[in-house]
Amino acid sequence: MWKCKYKKGTFFHMWWQYAEVKKYWKKIQRWIFEMTKYKLKLEPETFLLGMIKGNLSREKRYLIVYILTAARITLAQNWKNETIPPDKVLIQKIMDCAELDKFTMELKGKEDREY
């Protein structure tokens, strides 16, 4: 048994099927839609593996990648907590990912993009 005390904690259950985690991914899906006006299908290959389907601009694709990456990292870092990570923690992680990318681009001598 795992946190939900209902089902054996397989990887897929813990990262996708567990009710609280499902709410977390739905929240991420909603945030992405609010920011990009693009509705990602709520599929594990998208949210867990970062396989983004669809014809998106480079900027929207990067934003979605930042959000999904930050969401996965935040979930993993807060794994032992009984509840899903708070919005404040997730937003900070998204900003951290964008900042790291900005530094990487500066080191490579590439032009700034909007962050």
PDB file of N, CA and C in Angstrom:
ATOM      1  N   MET A   1       0.836  -1.197   0.000  1.00  0.00           N
ATOM      2  CA  MET A   1       0.000   0.000   0.000  1.00  0.00           C
ATOM      3  C   MET A   1       0.875   1.252   0.000  1.00  0.00           C
ATOM      4  N   TRP A   2       0.311   2.323  -0.524  1.00  0.00           N
ATOM      5  CA  TRP A   2       1.049   3.573  -0.599  1.00  0.00           C
ATOM      6  C   TRP A   2       0.253   4.674   0.075  1.00  0.00           C
ATOM      7  N   LYS A   3       0.524   5.907  -0.222  1.00  0.00           N
ATOM      8  CA  LYS A   3      -0.129   7.037   0.436  1.00  0.00           C
ATOM      9  C   LYS A   3      -1.645   6.929   0.458  1.00  0.00           C
ATOM     10  N   CYS A   4      -2.206   6.498  -0.642  1.00  0.00           N
ATOM     11  CA  CYS A   4      -3.668   6.446  -0.712  1.00  0.00           C
ATOM     12  C   CYS A   4      -4.218   5.272   0.093  1.00  0.00           C
ATOM     13  N   LYS A   5      -3.341   4.350   0.490  1.00  0.00           N
ATOM     14  CA  LYS A   5      -3.719   3.179   1.290  1.00  0.00           C
ATOM     15  C   LYS A   5      -4.813   2.358   0.617  1.00  0.00           C
ATOM     16  N   TYR A   6      -4.826   2.415  -0.720  1.00  0.00           N
ATOM     17  CA  TYR A   6      -5.851   1.715  -1.473  1.00  0.00           C
ATOM     18  C   TYR A   6      -5.251   0.706  -2.435  1.00  0.00           C
ATOM     19  N   LYS A   7      -4.212   1.103  -3.118  1.00  0.00           N
ATOM     20  CA  LYS A   7      -3.644   0.279  -4.167  1.00  0.00           C
ATOM     21  C   LYS A   7      -2.140   0.166  -3.970  1.00  0.00           C
ATOM     22  N   LYS A   8      -1.580  -0.949  -4.383  1.00  0.00           N
ATOM     23  CA  LYS A   8      -0.140  -1.133  -4.303  1.00  0.00           C
ATOM     24  C   LYS A   8       0.549  -0.029  -5.106  1.00  0.00           C
ATOM     25  N   GLY A   9       1.574   0.550  -4.517  1.00  0.00           N
ATOM     26  CA  GLY A   9       2.233   1.714  -5.099  1.00  0.00           C
ATOM     27  C   GLY A   9       3.163   1.418  -6.251  1.00  0.00           C
ATOM     28  N   THR A  10       2.616   1.068  -7.404  1.00  0.00           N
ATOM     29  CA  THR A  10       3.447   0.922  -8.597  1.00  0.00           C
ATOM     30  C   THR A  10       3.894   2.308  -9.052  1.00  0.00           C
ATOM     31  N   PHE A  11       4.939   2.336  -9.855  1.00  0.00           N
ATOM     32  CA  PHE A  11       5.424   3.611 -10.382  1.00  0.00           C
ATOM     33  C   PHE A  11       4.301   4.362 -11.087  1.00  0.00           C
ATOM     34  N   PHE A  12       3.578   3.678 -11.955  1.00  0.00           N
ATOM     35  CA  PHE A  12       2.523   4.332 -12.727  1.00  0.00           C
ATOM     36  C   PHE A  12       1.414   4.847 -11.815  1.00  0.00           C
ATOM     37  N   HIS A  13       1.069   4.082 -10.812  1.00  0.00           N
ATOM     38  CA  HIS A  13       0.035   4.527  -9.876  1.00  0.00           C
ATOM     39  C   HIS A  13       0.496   5.778  -9.123  1.00  0.00           C
ATOM     40  N   MET A  14       1.728   5.745  -8.624  1.00  0.00           N
ATOM     41  CA  MET A  14       2.221   6.857  -7.809  1.00  0.00           C
ATOM     42  C   MET A  14       2.403   8.144  -8.607  1.00  0.00           C
ATOM     43  N   TRP A  15       2.776   8.028  -9.883  1.00  0.00           N
ATOM     44  CA  TRP A  15       3.033   9.212 -10.691  1.00  0.00           C
ATOM     45  C   TRP A  15       1.855   9.633 -11.557  1.00  0.00           C
ATOM     46  N   TRP A  16       0.841   8.760 -11.686  1.00  0.00           N
ATOM     47  CA  TRP A  16      -0.240   9.111 -12.607  1.00  0.00           C
ATOM     48  C   TRP A  16      -1.634   8.784 -12.089  1.00  0.00           C
ATOM     49  N   GLN A  17      -1.843   7.632 -11.511  1.00  0.00           N
ATOM     50  CA  GLN A  17      -3.197   7.198 -11.173  1.00  0.00           C
ATOM     51  C   GLN A  17      -3.675   7.623  -9.792  1.00  0.00           C
ATOM     52  N   TYR A  18      -2.793   7.855  -8.879  1.00  0.00           N
ATOM     53  CA  TYR A  18      -3.150   8.263  -7.523  1.00  0.00           C
ATOM     54  C   TYR A  18      -4.009   9.530  -7.611  1.00  0.00           C
ATOM     55  N   ALA A  19      -5.135   9.537  -6.912  1.00  0.00           N
ATOM     56  CA  ALA A  19      -6.129  10.613  -7.059  1.00  0.00           C
ATOM     57  C   ALA A  19      -5.541  12.010  -6.837  1.00  0.00           C
ATOM     58  N   GLU A  20      -4.726  12.172  -5.805  1.00  0.00           N
ATOM     59  CA  GLU A  20      -4.149  13.495  -5.534  1.00  0.00           C
ATOM     60  C   GLU A  20      -3.187  13.920  -6.643  1.00  0.00           C
ATOM     61  N   VAL A  21      -2.428  12.968  -7.157  1.00  0.00           N
ATOM     62  CA  VAL A  21      -1.499  13.281  -8.243  1.00  0.00           C
ATOM     63  C   VAL A  21      -2.273  13.616  -9.517  1.00  0.00           C
ATOM     64  N   LYS A  22      -3.380  12.939  -9.728  1.00  0.00           N
ATOM     65  CA  LYS A  22      -4.217  13.227 -10.903  1.00  0.00           C
ATOM     66  C   LYS A  22      -4.716  14.673 -10.843  1.00  0.00           C
ATOM     67  N   LYS A  23      -5.118  15.125  -9.650  1.00  0.00           N
ATOM     68  CA  LYS A  23      -5.545  16.517  -9.479  1.00  0.00           C
ATOM     69  C   LYS A  23      -4.394  17.476  -9.799  1.00  0.00           C
ATOM     70  N   TYR A  24      -3.203  17.097  -9.375  1.00  0.00           N
ATOM     71  CA  TYR A  24      -2.005  17.903  -9.632  1.00  0.00           C
ATOM     72  C   TYR A  24      -1.788  18.073 -11.127  1.00  0.00           C
ATOM     73  N   TRP A  25      -1.850  16.971 -11.883  1.00  0.00           N
ATOM     74  CA  TRP A  25      -1.628  17.052 -13.330  1.00  0.00           C
ATOM     75  C   TRP A  25      -2.747  17.823 -14.026  1.00  0.00           C
ATOM     76  N   LYS A  26      -3.966  17.723 -13.522  1.00  0.00           N
ATOM     77  CA  LYS A  26      -5.066  18.507 -14.098  1.00  0.00           C
ATOM     78  C   LYS A  26      -4.838  19.999 -13.871  1.00  0.00           C
ATOM     79  N   LYS A  27      -4.292  20.335 -12.698  1.00  0.00           N
ATOM     80  CA  LYS A  27      -3.969  21.738 -12.415  1.00  0.00           C
ATOM     81  C   LYS A  27      -2.893  22.225 -13.380  1.00  0.00           C
ATOM     82  N   ILE A  28      -1.877  21.419 -13.617  1.00  0.00           N
ATOM     83  CA  ILE A  28      -0.811  21.783 -14.550  1.00  0.00           C
ATOM     84  C   ILE A  28      -1.391  21.964 -15.956  1.00  0.00           C
ATOM     85  N   GLN A  29      -2.268  21.065 -16.344  1.00  0.00           N
ATOM     86  CA  GLN A  29      -2.922  21.162 -17.656  1.00  0.00           C
ATOM     87  C   GLN A  29      -3.682  22.488 -17.773  1.00  0.00           C
ATOM     88  N   ARG A  30      -4.399  22.851 -16.727  1.00  0.00           N
ATOM     89  CA  ARG A  30      -5.170  24.098 -16.721  1.00  0.00           C
ATOM     90  C   ARG A  30      -4.237  25.311 -16.805  1.00  0.00           C
ATOM     91  N   TRP A  31      -3.152  25.301 -16.044  1.00  0.00           N
ATOM     92  CA  TRP A  31      -2.189  26.409 -16.087  1.00  0.00           C
ATOM     93  C   TRP A  31      -1.616  26.571 -17.486  1.00  0.00           C
ATOM     94  N   ILE A  32      -1.239  25.456 -18.097  1.00  0.00           N
ATOM     95  CA  ILE A  32      -0.667  25.524 -19.446  1.00  0.00           C
ATOM     96  C   ILE A  32      -1.675  26.116 -20.418  1.00  0.00           C
ATOM     97  N   PHE A  33      -2.936  25.716 -20.302  1.00  0.00           N
ATOM     98  CA  PHE A  33      -3.960  26.269 -21.185  1.00  0.00           C
ATOM     99  C   PHE A  33      -4.127  27.773 -20.947  1.00  0.00           C
ATOM    100  N   GLU A  34      -4.156  28.195 -19.675  1.00  0.00           N
ATOM    101  CA  GLU A  34      -4.320  29.609 -19.357  1.00  0.00           C
ATOM    102  C   GLU A  34      -3.174  30.452 -19.912  1.00  0.00           C
ATOM    103  N   MET A  35      -1.977  29.891 -19.955  1.00  0.00           N
ATOM    104  CA  MET A  35      -0.808  30.642 -20.429  1.00  0.00           C
ATOM    105  C   MET A  35      -0.614  30.583 -21.936  1.00  0.00           C
ATOM    106  N   THR A  36      -1.012  29.476 -22.550  1.00  0.00           N
ATOM    107  CA  THR A  36      -0.704  29.281 -23.971  1.00  0.00           C
ATOM    108  C   THR A  36      -1.932  29.186 -24.868  1.00  0.00           C
ATOM    109  N   LYS A  37      -3.096  29.018 -24.271  1.00  0.00           N
ATOM    110  CA  LYS A  37      -4.341  28.768 -25.018  1.00  0.00           C
ATOM    111  C   LYS A  37      -4.256  27.467 -25.827  1.00  0.00           C
ATOM    112  N   TYR A  38      -3.402  26.565 -25.392  1.00  0.00           N
ATOM    113  CA  TYR A  38      -3.261  25.245 -26.025  1.00  0.00           C
ATOM    114  C   TYR A  38      -3.589  24.194 -24.973  1.00  0.00           C
ATOM    115  N   LYS A  39      -4.575  23.349 -25.275  1.00  0.00           N
ATOM    116  CA  LYS A  39      -4.977  22.332 -24.304  1.00  0.00           C
ATOM    117  C   LYS A  39      -4.266  21.015 -24.599  1.00  0.00           C
ATOM    118  N   LEU A  40      -3.355  20.675 -23.702  1.00  0.00           N
ATOM    119  CA  LEU A  40      -2.679  19.384 -23.801  1.00  0.00           C
ATOM    120  C   LEU A  40      -3.640  18.286 -23.389  1.00  0.00           C
ATOM    121  N   LYS A  41      -3.571  17.162 -24.071  1.00  0.00           N
ATOM    122  CA  LYS A  41      -4.347  16.010 -23.633  1.00  0.00           C
ATOM    123  C   LYS A  41      -3.735  15.514 -22.335  1.00  0.00           C
ATOM    124  N   LEU A  42      -4.596  15.120 -21.415  1.00  0.00           N
ATOM    125  CA  LEU A  42      -4.133  14.623 -20.124  1.00  0.00           C
ATOM    126  C   LEU A  42      -3.673  13.175 -20.298  1.00  0.00           C
ATOM    127  N   GLU A  43      -2.444  13.025 -20.802  1.00  0.00           N
ATOM    128  CA  GLU A  43      -1.872  11.713 -21.095  1.00  0.00           C
ATOM    129  C   GLU A  43      -0.520  11.587 -20.401  1.00  0.00           C
ATOM    130  N   PRO A  44      -0.211  10.399 -19.883  1.00  0.00           N
ATOM    131  CA  PRO A  44       1.066  10.229 -19.183  1.00  0.00           C
ATOM    132  C   PRO A  44       2.283  10.472 -20.066  1.00  0.00           C
ATOM    133  N   GLU A  45       2.201  10.135 -21.347  1.00  0.00           N
ATOM    134  CA  GLU A  45       3.366  10.360 -22.205  1.00  0.00           C
ATOM    135  C   GLU A  45       3.684  11.846 -22.344  1.00  0.00           C
ATOM    136  N   THR A  46       2.671  12.682 -22.211  1.00  0.00           N
ATOM    137  CA  THR A  46       2.897  14.125 -22.272  1.00  0.00           C
ATOM    138  C   THR A  46       3.409  14.646 -20.936  1.00  0.00           C
ATOM    139  N   PHE A  47       2.702  14.363 -19.870  1.00  0.00           N
ATOM    140  CA  PHE A  47       3.012  14.947 -18.573  1.00  0.00           C
ATOM    141  C   PHE A  47       4.185  14.279 -17.867  1.00  0.00           C
ATOM    142  N   LEU A  48       4.370  12.990 -18.052  1.00  0.00           N
ATOM    143  CA  LEU A  48       5.471  12.289 -17.385  1.00  0.00           C
ATOM    144  C   LEU A  48       6.733  12.216 -18.235  1.00  0.00           C
ATOM    145  N   LEU A  49       6.578  12.121 -19.538  1.00  0.00           N
ATOM    146  CA  LEU A  49       7.733  11.969 -20.422  1.00  0.00           C
ATOM    147  C   LEU A  49       8.054  13.226 -21.227  1.00  0.00           C
ATOM    148  N   GLY A  50       7.149  14.203 -21.203  1.00  0.00           N
ATOM    149  CA  GLY A  50       7.395  15.453 -21.916  1.00  0.00           C
ATOM    150  C   GLY A  50       7.250  15.357 -23.420  1.00  0.00           C
ATOM    151  N   MET A  51       6.504  14.375 -23.891  1.00  0.00           N
ATOM    152  CA  MET A  51       6.288  14.207 -25.332  1.00  0.00           C
ATOM    153  C   MET A  51       5.116  15.087 -25.752  1.00  0.00           C
ATOM    154  N   ILE A  52       5.423  16.267 -26.246  1.00  0.00           N
ATOM    155  CA  ILE A  52       4.403  17.258 -26.574  1.00  0.00           C
ATOM    156  C   ILE A  52       4.010  17.110 -28.035  1.00  0.00           C
ATOM    157  N   LYS A  53       2.724  16.870 -28.241  1.00  0.00           N
ATOM    158  CA  LYS A  53       2.195  16.706 -29.599  1.00  0.00           C
ATOM    159  C   LYS A  53       1.571  18.022 -30.056  1.00  0.00           C
ATOM    160  N   GLY A  54       1.512  18.200 -31.346  1.00  0.00           N
ATOM    161  CA  GLY A  54       0.831  19.371 -31.876  1.00  0.00           C
ATOM    162  C   GLY A  54       1.789  20.365 -32.492  1.00  0.00           C
ATOM    163  N   ASN A  55       1.226  21.235 -33.293  1.00  0.00           N
ATOM    164  CA  ASN A  55       1.991  22.261 -33.981  1.00  0.00           C
ATOM    165  C   ASN A  55       1.992  23.517 -33.118  1.00  0.00           C
ATOM    166  N   LEU A  56       3.084  23.736 -32.402  1.00  0.00           N
ATOM    167  CA  LEU A  56       3.195  24.870 -31.489  1.00  0.00           C
ATOM    168  C   LEU A  56       4.371  25.747 -31.889  1.00  0.00           C
ATOM    169  N   SER A  57       4.255  27.015 -31.564  1.00  0.00           N
ATOM    170  CA  SER A  57       5.402  27.900 -31.777  1.00  0.00           C
ATOM    171  C   SER A  57       6.530  27.467 -30.845  1.00  0.00           C
ATOM    172  N   ARG A  58       7.721  27.857 -31.185  1.00  0.00           N
ATOM    173  CA  ARG A  58       8.885  27.500 -30.368  1.00  0.00           C
ATOM    174  C   ARG A  58       8.728  28.038 -28.944  1.00  0.00           C
ATOM    175  N   GLU A  59       8.239  29.260 -28.825  1.00  0.00           N
ATOM    176  CA  GLU A  59       8.070  29.884 -27.518  1.00  0.00           C
ATOM    177  C   GLU A  59       7.075  29.111 -26.653  1.00  0.00           C
ATOM    178  N   LYS A  60       5.942  28.736 -27.244  1.00  0.00           N
ATOM    179  CA  LYS A  60       4.939  27.980 -26.485  1.00  0.00           C
ATOM    180  C   LYS A  60       5.477  26.609 -26.093  1.00  0.00           C
ATOM    181  N   ARG A  61       6.181  25.975 -27.014  1.00  0.00           N
ATOM    182  CA  ARG A  61       6.751  24.651 -26.727  1.00  0.00           C
ATOM    183  C   ARG A  61       7.744  24.747 -25.560  1.00  0.00           C
ATOM    184  N   TYR A  62       8.630  25.763 -25.589  1.00  0.00           N
ATOM    185  CA  TYR A  62       9.586  25.946 -24.499  1.00  0.00           C
ATOM    186  C   TYR A  62       8.868  26.184 -23.174  1.00  0.00           C
ATOM    187  N   LEU A  63       7.851  27.032 -23.186  1.00  0.00           N
ATOM    188  CA  LEU A  63       7.109  27.313 -21.962  1.00  0.00           C
ATOM    189  C   LEU A  63       6.487  26.038 -21.404  1.00  0.00           C
ATOM    190  N   ILE A  64       5.882  25.245 -22.268  1.00  0.00           N
ATOM    191  CA  ILE A  64       5.271  23.990 -21.833  1.00  0.00           C
ATOM    192  C   ILE A  64       6.332  23.041 -21.274  1.00  0.00           C
ATOM    193  N   VAL A  65       7.470  22.965 -21.931  1.00  0.00           N
ATOM    194  CA  VAL A  65       8.561  22.111 -21.439  1.00  0.00           C
ATOM    195  C   VAL A  65       9.011  22.566 -20.053  1.00  0.00           C
ATOM    196  N   TYR A  66       9.187  23.884 -19.849  1.00  0.00           N
ATOM    197  CA  TYR A  66       9.575  24.395 -18.530  1.00  0.00           C
ATOM    198  C   TYR A  66       8.561  23.986 -17.469  1.00  0.00           C
ATOM    199  N   ILE A  67       7.301  24.186 -17.776  1.00  0.00           N
ATOM    200  CA  ILE A  67       6.258  23.898 -16.794  1.00  0.00           C
ATOM    201  C   ILE A  67       6.207  22.413 -16.470  1.00  0.00           C
ATOM    202  N   LEU A  68       6.228  21.566 -17.489  1.00  0.00           N
ATOM    203  CA  LEU A  68       6.170  20.119 -17.248  1.00  0.00           C
ATOM    204  C   LEU A  68       7.407  19.618 -16.508  1.00  0.00           C
ATOM    205  N   THR A  69       8.571  20.123 -16.878  1.00  0.00           N
ATOM    206  CA  THR A  69       9.803  19.716 -16.200  1.00  0.00           C
ATOM    207  C   THR A  69       9.768  20.142 -14.737  1.00  0.00           C
ATOM    208  N   ALA A  70       9.396  21.379 -14.501  1.00  0.00           N
ATOM    209  CA  ALA A  70       9.310  21.882 -13.132  1.00  0.00           C
ATOM    210  C   ALA A  70       8.271  21.107 -12.325  1.00  0.00           C
ATOM    211  N   ALA A  71       7.164  20.763 -12.951  1.00  0.00           N
ATOM    212  CA  ALA A  71       6.111  20.011 -12.259  1.00  0.00           C
ATOM    213  C   ALA A  71       6.608  18.632 -11.842  1.00  0.00           C
ATOM    214  N   ARG A  72       7.337  17.962 -12.729  1.00  0.00           N
ATOM    215  CA  ARG A  72       7.877  16.636 -12.388  1.00  0.00           C
ATOM    216  C   ARG A  72       8.924  16.729 -11.281  1.00  0.00           C
ATOM    217  N   ILE A  73       9.826  17.697 -11.388  1.00  0.00           N
ATOM    218  CA  ILE A  73      10.861  17.868 -10.361  1.00  0.00           C
ATOM    219  C   ILE A  73      10.223  18.182  -9.014  1.00  0.00           C
ATOM    220  N   THR A  74       9.267  19.090  -9.018  1.00  0.00           N
ATOM    221  CA  THR A  74       8.603  19.491  -7.778  1.00  0.00           C
ATOM    222  C   THR A  74       7.873  18.319  -7.141  1.00  0.00           C
ATOM    223  N   LEU A  75       7.195  17.537  -7.948  1.00  0.00           N
ATOM    224  CA  LEU A  75       6.493  16.366  -7.417  1.00  0.00           C
ATOM    225  C   LEU A  75       7.487  15.388  -6.793  1.00  0.00           C
ATOM    226  N   ALA A  76       8.600  15.148  -7.465  1.00  0.00           N
ATOM    227  CA  ALA A  76       9.616  14.227  -6.937  1.00  0.00           C
ATOM    228  C   ALA A  76      10.239  14.763  -5.646  1.00  0.00           C
ATOM    229  N   GLN A  77      10.524  16.049  -5.597  1.00  0.00           N
ATOM    230  CA  GLN A  77      11.152  16.641  -4.415  1.00  0.00           C
ATOM    231  C   GLN A  77      10.217  16.676  -3.205  1.00  0.00           C
ATOM    232  N   ASN A  78       8.931  16.634  -3.446  1.00  0.00           N
ATOM    233  CA  ASN A  78       7.947  16.696  -2.357  1.00  0.00           C
ATOM    234  C   ASN A  78       7.247  15.362  -2.156  1.00  0.00           C
ATOM    235  N   TRP A  79       7.889  14.311  -2.586  1.00  0.00           N
ATOM    236  CA  TRP A  79       7.257  13.001  -2.631  1.00  0.00           C
ATOM    237  C   TRP A  79       6.781  12.495  -1.282  1.00  0.00           C
ATOM    238  N   LYS A  80       7.527  12.761  -0.233  1.00  0.00           N
ATOM    239  CA  LYS A  80       7.177  12.211   1.079  1.00  0.00           C
ATOM    240  C   LYS A  80       6.037  12.960   1.750  1.00  0.00           C
ATOM    241  N   ASN A  81       5.688  14.112   1.225  1.00  0.00           N
ATOM    242  CA  ASN A  81       4.570  14.871   1.791  1.00  0.00           C
ATOM    243  C   ASN A  81       3.259  14.163   1.484  1.00  0.00           C
ATOM    244  N   GLU A  82       2.307  14.327   2.346  1.00  0.00           N
ATOM    245  CA  GLU A  82       1.006  13.680   2.165  1.00  0.00           C
ATOM    246  C   GLU A  82       0.133  14.390   1.133  1.00  0.00           C
ATOM    247  N   THR A  83       0.458  15.639   0.845  1.00  0.00           N
ATOM    248  CA  THR A  83      -0.345  16.407  -0.110  1.00  0.00           C
ATOM    249  C   THR A  83       0.512  16.775  -1.319  1.00  0.00           C
ATOM    250  N   ILE A  84      -0.158  17.205  -2.369  1.00  0.00           N
ATOM    251  CA  ILE A  84       0.580  17.630  -3.562  1.00  0.00           C
ATOM    252  C   ILE A  84       1.312  18.938  -3.248  1.00  0.00           C
ATOM    253  N   PRO A  85       2.375  19.237  -3.983  1.00  0.00           N
ATOM    254  CA  PRO A  85       3.145  20.455  -3.703  1.00  0.00           C
ATOM    255  C   PRO A  85       2.291  21.718  -3.839  1.00  0.00           C
ATOM    256  N   PRO A  86       2.527  22.682  -2.953  1.00  0.00           N
ATOM    257  CA  PRO A  86       1.780  23.943  -3.042  1.00  0.00           C
ATOM    258  C   PRO A  86       2.151  24.723  -4.304  1.00  0.00           C
ATOM    259  N   ASP A  87       1.221  25.550  -4.750  1.00  0.00           N
ATOM    260  CA  ASP A  87       1.431  26.352  -5.961  1.00  0.00           C
ATOM    261  C   ASP A  87       2.699  27.194  -5.873  1.00  0.00           C
ATOM    262  N   LYS A  88       2.946  27.790  -4.713  1.00  0.00           N
ATOM    263  CA  LYS A  88       4.107  28.663  -4.529  1.00  0.00           C
ATOM    264  C   LYS A  88       5.404  27.916  -4.847  1.00  0.00           C
ATOM    265  N   VAL A  89       5.520  26.681  -4.391  1.00  0.00           N
ATOM    266  CA  VAL A  89       6.719  25.870  -4.628  1.00  0.00           C
ATOM    267  C   VAL A  89       6.860  25.566  -6.116  1.00  0.00           C
ATOM    268  N   LEU A  90       5.762  25.222  -6.744  1.00  0.00           N
ATOM    269  CA  LEU A  90       5.777  24.893  -8.169  1.00  0.00           C
ATOM    270  C   LEU A  90       6.130  26.112  -9.023  1.00  0.00           C
ATOM    271  N   ILE A  91       5.548  27.243  -8.715  1.00  0.00           N
ATOM    272  CA  ILE A  91       5.838  28.470  -9.465  1.00  0.00           C
ATOM    273  C   ILE A  91       7.314  28.836  -9.338  1.00  0.00           C
ATOM    274  N   GLN A  92       7.870  28.702  -8.143  1.00  0.00           N
ATOM    275  CA  GLN A  92       9.296  28.996  -7.955  1.00  0.00           C
ATOM    276  C   GLN A  92      10.163  28.053  -8.779  1.00  0.00           C
ATOM    277  N   LYS A  93       9.787  26.787  -8.857  1.00  0.00           N
ATOM    278  CA  LYS A  93      10.559  25.816  -9.639  1.00  0.00           C
ATOM    279  C   LYS A  93      10.482  26.150 -11.133  1.00  0.00           C
ATOM    280  N   ILE A  94       9.324  26.593 -11.610  1.00  0.00           N
ATOM    281  CA  ILE A  94       9.196  27.008 -13.014  1.00  0.00           C
ATOM    282  C   ILE A  94      10.139  28.181 -13.290  1.00  0.00           C
ATOM    283  N   MET A  95      10.162  29.136 -12.385  1.00  0.00           N
ATOM    284  CA  MET A  95      11.049  30.295 -12.545  1.00  0.00           C
ATOM    285  C   MET A  95      12.516  29.864 -12.520  1.00  0.00           C
ATOM    286  N   ASP A  96      12.853  28.917 -11.662  1.00  0.00           N
ATOM    287  CA  ASP A  96      14.225  28.406 -11.592  1.00  0.00           C
ATOM    288  C   ASP A  96      14.639  27.764 -12.913  1.00  0.00           C
ATOM    289  N   CYS A  97      13.758  26.970 -13.501  1.00  0.00           N
ATOM    290  CA  CYS A  97      14.057  26.320 -14.789  1.00  0.00           C
ATOM    291  C   CYS A  97      14.283  27.355 -15.884  1.00  0.00           C
ATOM    292  N   ALA A  98      13.443  28.381 -15.921  1.00  0.00           N
ATOM    293  CA  ALA A  98      13.591  29.436 -16.928  1.00  0.00           C
ATOM    294  C   ALA A  98      14.894  30.200 -16.715  1.00  0.00           C
ATOM    295  N   GLU A  99      15.228  30.461 -15.464  1.00  0.00           N
ATOM    296  CA  GLU A  99      16.466  31.184 -15.152  1.00  0.00           C
ATOM    297  C   GLU A  99      17.696  30.376 -15.558  1.00  0.00           C
ATOM    298  N   LEU A 100      17.677  29.082 -15.297  1.00  0.00           N
ATOM    299  CA  LEU A 100      18.795  28.228 -15.706  1.00  0.00           C
ATOM    300  C   LEU A 100      18.956  28.216 -17.226  1.00  0.00           C
ATOM    301  N   ASP A 101      17.841  28.190 -17.941  1.00  0.00           N
ATOM    302  CA  ASP A 101      17.914  28.224 -19.397  1.00  0.00           C
ATOM    303  C   ASP A 101      18.485  29.553 -19.878  1.00  0.00           C
ATOM    304  N   LYS A 102      18.091  30.624 -19.228  1.00  0.00           N
ATOM    305  CA  LYS A 102      18.602  31.950 -19.593  1.00  0.00           C
ATOM    306  C   LYS A 102      20.118  31.998 -19.405  1.00  0.00           C
ATOM    307  N   PHE A 103      20.610  31.491 -18.287  1.00  0.00           N
ATOM    308  CA  PHE A 103      22.057  31.459 -18.045  1.00  0.00           C
ATOM    309  C   PHE A 103      22.767  30.599 -19.084  1.00  0.00           C
ATOM    310  N   THR A 104      22.175  29.484 -19.424  1.00  0.00           N
ATOM    311  CA  THR A 104      22.759  28.601 -20.439  1.00  0.00           C
ATOM    312  C   THR A 104      22.876  29.322 -21.770  1.00  0.00           C
ATOM    313  N   MET A 105      21.821  30.029 -22.160  1.00  0.00           N
ATOM    314  CA  MET A 105      21.846  30.772 -23.424  1.00  0.00           C
ATOM    315  C   MET A 105      22.915  31.869 -23.394  1.00  0.00           C
ATOM    316  N   GLU A 106      23.050  32.541 -22.251  1.00  0.00           N
ATOM    317  CA  GLU A 106      24.071  33.584 -22.131  1.00  0.00           C
ATOM    318  C   GLU A 106      25.468  32.986 -22.266  1.00  0.00           C
ATOM    319  N   LEU A 107      25.691  31.841 -21.640  1.00  0.00           N
ATOM    320  CA  LEU A 107      26.997  31.182 -21.727  1.00  0.00           C
ATOM    321  C   LEU A 107      27.324  30.757 -23.154  1.00  0.00           C
ATOM    322  N   LYS A 108      26.306  30.386 -23.899  1.00  0.00           N
ATOM    323  CA  LYS A 108      26.503  29.969 -25.283  1.00  0.00           C
ATOM    324  C   LYS A 108      26.540  31.156 -26.239  1.00  0.00           C
ATOM    325  N   GLY A 109      26.323  32.370 -25.706  1.00  0.00           N
ATOM    326  CA  GLY A 109      26.363  33.566 -26.536  1.00  0.00           C
ATOM    327  C   GLY A 109      25.152  33.738 -27.424  1.00  0.00           C
ATOM    328  N   LYS A 110      24.049  33.116 -27.063  1.00  0.00           N
ATOM    329  CA  LYS A 110      22.837  33.242 -27.877  1.00  0.00           C
ATOM    330  C   LYS A 110      21.996  34.400 -27.369  1.00  0.00           C
ATOM    331  N   GLU A 111      21.151  34.901 -28.268  1.00  0.00           N
ATOM    332  CA  GLU A 111      20.293  36.033 -27.919  1.00  0.00           C
ATOM    333  C   GLU A 111      19.260  35.634 -26.881  1.00  0.00           C
ATOM    334  N   ASP A 112      18.867  36.638 -26.107  1.00  0.00           N
ATOM    335  CA  ASP A 112      17.806  36.418 -25.123  1.00  0.00           C
ATOM    336  C   ASP A 112      16.479  36.179 -25.806  1.00  0.00           C
ATOM    337  N   ARG A 113      15.691  35.343 -25.193  1.00  0.00           N
ATOM    338  CA  ARG A 113      14.292  35.177 -25.591  1.00  0.00           C
ATOM    339  C   ARG A 113      13.467  35.792 -24.472  1.00  0.00           C
ATOM    340  N   GLU A 114      12.204  35.956 -24.716  1.00  0.00           N
ATOM    341  CA  GLU A 114      11.333  36.444 -23.648  1.00  0.00           C
ATOM    342  C   GLU A 114      11.148  35.343 -22.625  1.00  0.00           C
ATOM    343  N   TYR A 115      11.227  35.696 -21.357  1.00  0.00           N
ATOM    344  CA  TYR A 115      11.032  34.723 -20.281  1.00  0.00           C
ATOM    345  C   TYR A 115       9.826  35.097 -19.476  1.00  0.00           C
TER     346      TYR A 115
END
